[in-house]
Amino acid sequence: MPKMKTKKGAAKRFKKTANGFKRGYANKSHILTKMTTKRKRNLRGTDMIDESDIKQVKSMLPYAK
């Protein structure tokens, strides 16, 4: 059997950690003038993906360490 390919879009969005996968927040690319400073500031960090999405992300990243 050949190796499974990693979904490159998912590899750029999710990073494996000891407790699961971390992700960035959405809605931070353009049209930011109408968004409040507080809202933009709160979108800066990272968060963990929900437990219901873990199976899907694992299938997209078969070799995540």
Protein backbone atom coordinates (compact mmCIF):
# COMPACT_ATOMS: atom_id res chain seq x y z
CA MET A 1 0.00 0.00 0.00
CA PRO A 2 1.24 3.51 -0.74
CA LYS A 3 1.52 6.07 2.00
CA MET A 4 -1.45 8.30 2.75
CA LYS A 5 -1.09 11.91 1.69
CA THR A 6 -1.39 14.72 4.22
CA LYS A 7 -3.99 17.37 3.38
CA LYS A 8 -1.71 20.38 3.04
CA GLY A 9 -4.46 22.90 3.81
CA ALA A 10 -5.08 21.19 7.14
CA ALA A 11 -1.36 20.97 7.89
CA LYS A 12 -1.14 24.76 7.63
CA ARG A 13 -4.13 25.29 9.93
CA PHE A 14 -3.70 22.74 12.73
CA LYS A 15 -0.75 21.82 14.95
CA LYS A 16 -0.63 18.68 17.09
CA THR A 17 -0.07 19.22 20.80
CA ALA A 18 0.00 16.89 23.79
CA ASN A 19 -3.69 17.56 24.46
CA GLY A 20 -5.06 17.56 20.91
CA PHE A 21 -4.86 20.01 18.02
CA LYS A 22 -4.58 23.77 18.26
CA ARG A 23 -6.03 26.19 15.73
CA GLY A 24 -6.17 29.89 15.03
CA TYR A 25 -9.31 32.01 14.94
CA ALA A 26 -11.13 32.89 11.72
CA ASN A 27 -12.23 36.31 10.38
CA LYS A 28 -8.85 38.05 10.66
CA SER A 29 -7.78 38.51 7.02
CA HIS A 30 -9.54 41.54 5.54
CA ILE A 31 -12.33 44.10 6.03
CA LEU A 32 -11.08 44.76 9.56
CA THR A 33 -11.96 48.47 9.68
CA LYS A 34 -15.56 47.80 10.74
CA MET A 35 -14.43 45.42 13.50
CA THR A 36 -13.74 46.81 16.95
CA THR A 37 -10.21 46.79 18.32
CA LYS A 38 -11.34 44.57 21.19
CA ARG A 39 -12.76 42.00 18.77
CA LYS A 40 -9.57 41.91 16.69
CA ARG A 41 -7.43 41.61 19.80
CA ASN A 42 -9.46 38.66 21.07
CA LEU A 43 -9.00 36.85 17.74
CA ARG A 44 -5.20 36.96 17.99
CA GLY A 45 -4.48 33.84 20.02
CA THR A 46 -5.08 30.14 19.46
CA ASP A 47 -7.65 27.66 20.71
CA MET A 48 -8.06 23.89 20.77
CA ILE A 49 -10.34 22.22 18.23
CA ASP A 50 -13.57 20.73 19.52
CA GLU A 51 -13.71 17.04 20.43
CA SER A 52 -16.31 16.44 17.72
CA ASP A 53 -13.78 17.50 15.04
CA ILE A 54 -10.77 15.48 16.25
CA LYS A 55 -11.57 12.37 14.18
CA GLN A 56 -11.88 14.47 11.01
CA VAL A 57 -8.61 16.34 11.60
CA LYS A 58 -6.74 13.12 12.40
CA SER A 59 -7.81 11.68 9.07
CA MET A 60 -6.51 14.78 7.27
CA LEU A 61 -3.19 14.63 9.16
CA PRO A 62 -2.32 10.92 9.26
CA TYR A 63 1.31 11.47 10.31
CA ALA A 64 0.87 14.29 12.83
CA LYS A 65 3.38 13.74 15.59
